[in-house]
Amino acid sequence: MAITRVCFTKANMSDNHDAIMAFLGTLPSGLTLDSNNNLRATLPGVADPVAVCTGSNGSGAMYFDYGFSTSNGLMVARQDGAAAFVIAASNLGTTAAIGKSYSASNINALDLSNSDGSFSLDGTQITADITSFVPIVLGDHTYAPKCFACNTVQCGGRAFQMIAGGRSFAYSGLIALED
């Protein structure tokens, strides 16, 4: 399957949110996207929802530019790479929610069935002549085998589609989701 990219309207927050929801369809059980485009997860045994991808103050509104559909999941991203989230499968076939919040330097990664809190990965990037692809660990004995953190990069900070090693990826500037 080829990667499909959708450009979201940014006329106003309501239209942007509606376009994102139409792209995502029915969210997996345990995920919610509020009207400000903040993605949160409800986890087993955790009282309060856990932030996956939120605005600069945890509930601030965020416009997103693109949606990418791959054979391994969905990615929603800002063009400037400031925020993105992925819904994919874990190595156990459960739902993984991975996100970089606006103005944050870390990646939040969790397994909706097996995590008991947010697992945070270092989101610091180093510019180099090669891009590294490291599978994203979800914290509790699971990982996302087709979703990667790219901490060493040739091209960072922008969302686009790329081909590396003959494989296609939706890329947020820090997170890559393989097709």
C-alpha atoms as a PDB file:
ATOM      1  CA  MET A   1       0.000   0.000   0.000  1.00  0.00           C
ATOM      2  CA  ALA A   2       1.281   3.463  -0.804  1.00  0.00           C
ATOM      3  CA  ILE A   3       1.312   6.174   1.819  1.00  0.00           C
ATOM      4  CA  THR A   4      -1.620   8.541   1.484  1.00  0.00           C
ATOM      5  CA  ARG A   5      -1.226  12.133   2.672  1.00  0.00           C
ATOM      6  CA  VAL A   6      -4.187  14.355   3.506  1.00  0.00           C
ATOM      7  CA  CYS A   7      -3.887  18.114   4.016  1.00  0.00           C
ATOM      8  CA  PHE A   8      -6.124  19.386   6.809  1.00  0.00           C
ATOM      9  CA  THR A   9      -8.002  22.665   6.618  1.00  0.00           C
ATOM     10  CA  LYS A  10      -6.752  25.339   9.004  1.00  0.00           C
ATOM     11  CA  ALA A  11      -9.579  27.853   8.495  1.00  0.00           C
ATOM     12  CA  ASN A  12     -10.397  27.596  12.214  1.00  0.00           C
ATOM     13  CA  MET A  13      -9.880  25.152  15.078  1.00  0.00           C
ATOM     14  CA  SER A  14     -13.296  23.536  14.706  1.00  0.00           C
ATOM     15  CA  ASP A  15     -12.766  22.804  11.002  1.00  0.00           C
ATOM     16  CA  ASN A  16      -9.224  21.514  11.656  1.00  0.00           C
ATOM     17  CA  HIS A  17     -10.500  19.197  14.405  1.00  0.00           C
ATOM     18  CA  ASP A  18     -13.387  17.946  12.252  1.00  0.00           C
ATOM     19  CA  ALA A  19     -11.009  17.200   9.347  1.00  0.00           C
ATOM     20  CA  ILE A  20      -8.675  15.265  11.658  1.00  0.00           C
ATOM     21  CA  MET A  21     -11.550  13.249  13.117  1.00  0.00           C
ATOM     22  CA  ALA A  22     -12.849  12.435   9.616  1.00  0.00           C
ATOM     23  CA  PHE A  23      -9.347  11.212   8.688  1.00  0.00           C
ATOM     24  CA  LEU A  24      -8.932   9.112  11.854  1.00  0.00           C
ATOM     25  CA  GLY A  25     -12.431   7.627  11.822  1.00  0.00           C
ATOM     26  CA  THR A  26     -13.468   5.855  15.003  1.00  0.00           C
ATOM     27  CA  LEU A  27     -10.658   6.086  17.523  1.00  0.00           C
ATOM     28  CA  PRO A  28      -9.476   2.905  19.213  1.00  0.00           C
ATOM     29  CA  SER A  29     -11.001   2.309  22.637  1.00  0.00           C
ATOM     30  CA  GLY A  30      -9.084   4.287  25.246  1.00  0.00           C
ATOM     31  CA  LEU A  31      -8.068   7.211  22.994  1.00  0.00           C
ATOM     32  CA  THR A  32      -9.733  10.621  22.951  1.00  0.00           C
ATOM     33  CA  LEU A  33      -9.016  13.701  20.852  1.00  0.00           C
ATOM     34  CA  ASP A  34     -10.535  16.816  22.412  1.00  0.00           C
ATOM     35  CA  SER A  35     -11.769  19.839  20.452  1.00  0.00           C
ATOM     36  CA  ASN A  36      -8.312  21.466  20.830  1.00  0.00           C
ATOM     37  CA  ASN A  37      -6.662  18.415  19.169  1.00  0.00           C
ATOM     38  CA  ASN A  38      -5.056  17.133  22.374  1.00  0.00           C
ATOM     39  CA  LEU A  39      -4.734  13.337  22.257  1.00  0.00           C
ATOM     40  CA  ARG A  40      -5.021  11.452  25.555  1.00  0.00           C
ATOM     41  CA  ALA A  41      -5.162   7.791  26.491  1.00  0.00           C
ATOM     42  CA  THR A  42      -7.096   6.014  29.228  1.00  0.00           C
ATOM     43  CA  LEU A  43      -5.027   3.129  30.549  1.00  0.00           C
ATOM     44  CA  PRO A  44      -5.954   0.097  32.658  1.00  0.00           C
ATOM     45  CA  GLY A  45      -5.586   0.905  36.354  1.00  0.00           C
ATOM     46  CA  VAL A  46      -4.745   4.592  35.781  1.00  0.00           C
ATOM     47  CA  ALA A  47      -7.293   7.071  37.131  1.00  0.00           C
ATOM     48  CA  ASP A  48      -6.591  10.068  34.886  1.00  0.00           C
ATOM     49  CA  PRO A  49      -6.058  10.073  31.123  1.00  0.00           C
ATOM     50  CA  VAL A  50      -2.391  10.205  30.083  1.00  0.00           C
ATOM     51  CA  ALA A  51      -1.183  12.830  27.599  1.00  0.00           C
ATOM     52  CA  VAL A  52       0.022  11.430  24.288  1.00  0.00           C
ATOM     53  CA  CYS A  53       0.212  14.692  22.316  1.00  0.00           C
ATOM     54  CA  THR A  54      -0.922  18.029  23.761  1.00  0.00           C
ATOM     55  CA  GLY A  55      -0.569  21.760  23.213  1.00  0.00           C
ATOM     56  CA  SER A  56       2.161  23.829  24.832  1.00  0.00           C
ATOM     57  CA  ASN A  57       0.405  24.097  28.192  1.00  0.00           C
ATOM     58  CA  GLY A  58      -1.080  20.608  28.230  1.00  0.00           C
ATOM     59  CA  SER A  59      -4.457  21.687  26.901  1.00  0.00           C
ATOM     60  CA  GLY A  60      -3.644  24.451  24.420  1.00  0.00           C
ATOM     61  CA  ALA A  61      -5.129  24.276  20.962  1.00  0.00           C
ATOM     62  CA  MET A  62      -2.977  22.819  18.168  1.00  0.00           C
ATOM     63  CA  TYR A  63      -3.569  22.984  14.466  1.00  0.00           C
ATOM     64  CA  PHE A  64      -2.286  20.026  12.465  1.00  0.00           C
ATOM     65  CA  ASP A  65      -1.329  20.189   8.791  1.00  0.00           C
ATOM     66  CA  TYR A  66      -1.195  16.589   7.571  1.00  0.00           C
ATOM     67  CA  GLY A  67      -2.555  13.119   8.042  1.00  0.00           C
ATOM     68  CA  PHE A  68      -0.596  10.132   6.724  1.00  0.00           C
ATOM     69  CA  SER A  69      -2.193   6.728   6.224  1.00  0.00           C
ATOM     70  CA  THR A  70       0.153   3.743   5.937  1.00  0.00           C
ATOM     71  CA  SER A  71      -0.331  -0.009   5.960  1.00  0.00           C
ATOM     72  CA  ASN A  72       0.947   0.058   9.568  1.00  0.00           C
ATOM     73  CA  GLY A  73      -1.095   2.877  11.084  1.00  0.00           C
ATOM     74  CA  LEU A  74      -1.952   6.558  11.001  1.00  0.00           C
ATOM     75  CA  MET A  75       0.100   9.679  11.677  1.00  0.00           C
ATOM     76  CA  VAL A  76      -1.152  13.237  12.258  1.00  0.00           C
ATOM     77  CA  ALA A  77       1.549  15.904  12.128  1.00  0.00           C
ATOM     78  CA  ARG A  78       2.292  19.587  12.062  1.00  0.00           C
ATOM     79  CA  GLN A  79       4.351  20.643   9.058  1.00  0.00           C
ATOM     80  CA  ASP A  80       6.967  22.281  11.303  1.00  0.00           C
ATOM     81  CA  GLY A  81       7.541  19.046  13.264  1.00  0.00           C
ATOM     82  CA  ALA A  82       6.509  20.694  16.558  1.00  0.00           C
ATOM     83  CA  ALA A  83       3.885  18.025  17.305  1.00  0.00           C
ATOM     84  CA  ALA A  84       2.707  14.694  15.925  1.00  0.00           C
ATOM     85  CA  PHE A  85       0.977  11.524  16.973  1.00  0.00           C
ATOM     86  CA  VAL A  86       0.804   7.972  15.656  1.00  0.00           C
ATOM     87  CA  ILE A  87      -1.740   5.222  16.166  1.00  0.00           C
ATOM     88  CA  ALA A  88      -0.193   1.863  15.253  1.00  0.00           C
ATOM     89  CA  ALA A  89       0.126  -1.717  16.461  1.00  0.00           C
ATOM     90  CA  SER A  90       2.511  -3.070  19.066  1.00  0.00           C
ATOM     91  CA  ASN A  91       4.512  -6.262  18.621  1.00  0.00           C
ATOM     92  CA  LEU A  92       1.667  -8.012  20.522  1.00  0.00           C
ATOM     93  CA  GLY A  93      -1.006  -6.678  18.144  1.00  0.00           C
ATOM     94  CA  THR A  94      -2.376  -4.216  20.720  1.00  0.00           C
ATOM     95  CA  THR A  95      -2.866  -0.505  20.017  1.00  0.00           C
ATOM     96  CA  ALA A  96       0.129   1.790  20.415  1.00  0.00           C
ATOM     97  CA  ALA A  97      -0.280   5.546  20.855  1.00  0.00           C
ATOM     98  CA  ILE A  98       2.877   7.569  20.284  1.00  0.00           C
ATOM     99  CA  GLY A  99       3.190  11.333  20.294  1.00  0.00           C
ATOM    100  CA  LYS A 100       5.378  14.367  20.532  1.00  0.00           C
ATOM    101  CA  SER A 101       3.642  17.237  22.288  1.00  0.00           C
ATOM    102  CA  TYR A 102       3.980  20.812  21.103  1.00  0.00           C
ATOM    103  CA  SER A 103       7.181  22.448  22.398  1.00  0.00           C
ATOM    104  CA  ALA A 104       8.236  19.241  24.183  1.00  0.00           C
ATOM    105  CA  SER A 105      11.522  17.492  23.502  1.00  0.00           C
ATOM    106  CA  ASN A 106      10.342  13.990  24.391  1.00  0.00           C
ATOM    107  CA  ILE A 107       8.224  11.308  22.758  1.00  0.00           C
ATOM    108  CA  ASN A 108       5.363   9.808  24.778  1.00  0.00           C
ATOM    109  CA  ALA A 109       4.791   6.140  23.951  1.00  0.00           C
ATOM    110  CA  LEU A 110       2.281   3.702  25.382  1.00  0.00           C
ATOM    111  CA  ASP A 111       0.456   0.476  24.763  1.00  0.00           C
ATOM    112  CA  LEU A 112      -3.263   0.970  25.443  1.00  0.00           C
ATOM    113  CA  SER A 113      -3.631  -2.567  26.797  1.00  0.00           C
ATOM    114  CA  ASN A 114      -0.367  -3.063  28.685  1.00  0.00           C
ATOM    115  CA  SER A 115       1.003   0.316  29.810  1.00  0.00           C
ATOM    116  CA  ASP A 116       0.390   1.661  33.283  1.00  0.00           C
ATOM    117  CA  GLY A 117       1.633   5.170  32.548  1.00  0.00           C
ATOM    118  CA  SER A 118       3.369   7.245  29.936  1.00  0.00           C
ATOM    119  CA  PHE A 119       6.772   6.055  28.784  1.00  0.00           C
ATOM    120  CA  SER A 120       8.939   8.952  27.698  1.00  0.00           C
ATOM    121  CA  LEU A 121      11.787   8.769  25.195  1.00  0.00           C
ATOM    122  CA  ASP A 122      14.445  11.400  24.612  1.00  0.00           C
ATOM    123  CA  GLY A 123      13.466  13.506  21.612  1.00  0.00           C
ATOM    124  CA  THR A 124      16.764  15.357  21.248  1.00  0.00           C
ATOM    125  CA  GLN A 125      17.982  15.369  17.659  1.00  0.00           C
ATOM    126  CA  ILE A 126      21.499  15.352  16.270  1.00  0.00           C
ATOM    127  CA  THR A 127      22.131  16.361  12.661  1.00  0.00           C
ATOM    128  CA  ALA A 128      24.294  13.856  10.786  1.00  0.00           C
ATOM    129  CA  ASP A 129      24.941  12.405   7.338  1.00  0.00           C
ATOM    130  CA  ILE A 130      22.640   9.482   8.116  1.00  0.00           C
ATOM    131  CA  THR A 131      19.215   9.011   9.709  1.00  0.00           C
ATOM    132  CA  SER A 132      18.818   6.415  12.458  1.00  0.00           C
ATOM    133  CA  PHE A 133      15.609   4.442  12.902  1.00  0.00           C
ATOM    134  CA  VAL A 134      15.114   3.061  16.416  1.00  0.00           C
ATOM    135  CA  PRO A 135      11.918   1.078  17.165  1.00  0.00           C
ATOM    136  CA  ILE A 136       9.829   2.889  19.766  1.00  0.00           C
ATOM    137  CA  VAL A 137       9.574   1.046  23.072  1.00  0.00           C
ATOM    138  CA  LEU A 138       6.158   1.351  24.703  1.00  0.00           C
ATOM    139  CA  GLY A 139       7.449   0.943  28.223  1.00  0.00           C
ATOM    140  CA  ASP A 140       5.934  -2.327  29.345  1.00  0.00           C
ATOM    141  CA  HIS A 141       7.565  -5.173  27.436  1.00  0.00           C
ATOM    142  CA  THR A 142       6.109  -4.040  24.131  1.00  0.00           C
ATOM    143  CA  TYR A 143       7.332  -1.928  21.257  1.00  0.00           C
ATOM    144  CA  ALA A 144       6.052  -0.570  17.960  1.00  0.00           C
ATOM    145  CA  PRO A 145       7.930  -2.606  15.325  1.00  0.00           C
ATOM    146  CA  LYS A 146       6.947  -0.321  12.417  1.00  0.00           C
ATOM    147  CA  CYS A 147       7.249   3.042  14.218  1.00  0.00           C
ATOM    148  CA  PHE A 148      10.654   4.586  14.836  1.00  0.00           C
ATOM    149  CA  ALA A 149      12.271   7.428  16.734  1.00  0.00           C
ATOM    150  CA  CYS A 150      14.756   9.286  14.540  1.00  0.00           C
ATOM    151  CA  ASN A 151      17.152  11.040  16.895  1.00  0.00           C
ATOM    152  CA  THR A 152      20.056  11.178  14.438  1.00  0.00           C
ATOM    153  CA  VAL A 153      18.789  12.776  11.234  1.00  0.00           C
ATOM    154  CA  GLN A 154      19.714  14.216   7.886  1.00  0.00           C
ATOM    155  CA  CYS A 155      16.450  16.152   7.626  1.00  0.00           C
ATOM    156  CA  GLY A 156      14.666  17.009  10.847  1.00  0.00           C
ATOM    157  CA  GLY A 157      11.957  19.372  11.915  1.00  0.00           C
ATOM    158  CA  ARG A 158       9.547  18.937   8.987  1.00  0.00           C
ATOM    159  CA  ALA A 159       6.751  16.491   8.189  1.00  0.00           C
ATOM    160  CA  PHE A 160       6.920  14.688   4.856  1.00  0.00           C
ATOM    161  CA  GLN A 161       7.072  11.280   3.198  1.00  0.00           C
ATOM    162  CA  MET A 162      10.498   9.744   2.716  1.00  0.00           C
ATOM    163  CA  ILE A 163      12.188   6.661   1.326  1.00  0.00           C
ATOM    164  CA  ALA A 164      15.151   5.205   3.208  1.00  0.00           C
ATOM    165  CA  GLY A 165      16.792   1.897   2.429  1.00  0.00           C
ATOM    166  CA  GLY A 166      14.087   1.222  -0.166  1.00  0.00           C
ATOM    167  CA  ARG A 167      11.328   1.504   2.473  1.00  0.00           C
ATOM    168  CA  SER A 168       8.658   4.249   2.604  1.00  0.00           C
ATOM    169  CA  PHE A 169       7.889   6.240   5.738  1.00  0.00           C
ATOM    170  CA  ALA A 170       5.531   8.950   6.915  1.00  0.00           C
ATOM    171  CA  TYR A 171       7.871  11.240   8.835  1.00  0.00           C
ATOM    172  CA  SER A 172       7.094  13.955  11.388  1.00  0.00           C
ATOM    173  CA  GLY A 173      10.623  15.279  11.825  1.00  0.00           C
ATOM    174  CA  LEU A 174      11.231  12.953  14.790  1.00  0.00           C
ATOM    175  CA  ILE A 175       8.887   9.970  14.388  1.00  0.00           C
ATOM    176  CA  ALA A 176       8.809   7.725  11.296  1.00  0.00           C
ATOM    177  CA  LEU A 177       5.949   5.320  10.548  1.00  0.00           C
ATOM    178  CA  GLU A 178       6.795   2.667   7.966  1.00  0.00           C
ATOM    179  CA  ASP A 179       4.393   1.772   5.193  1.00  0.00           C
END
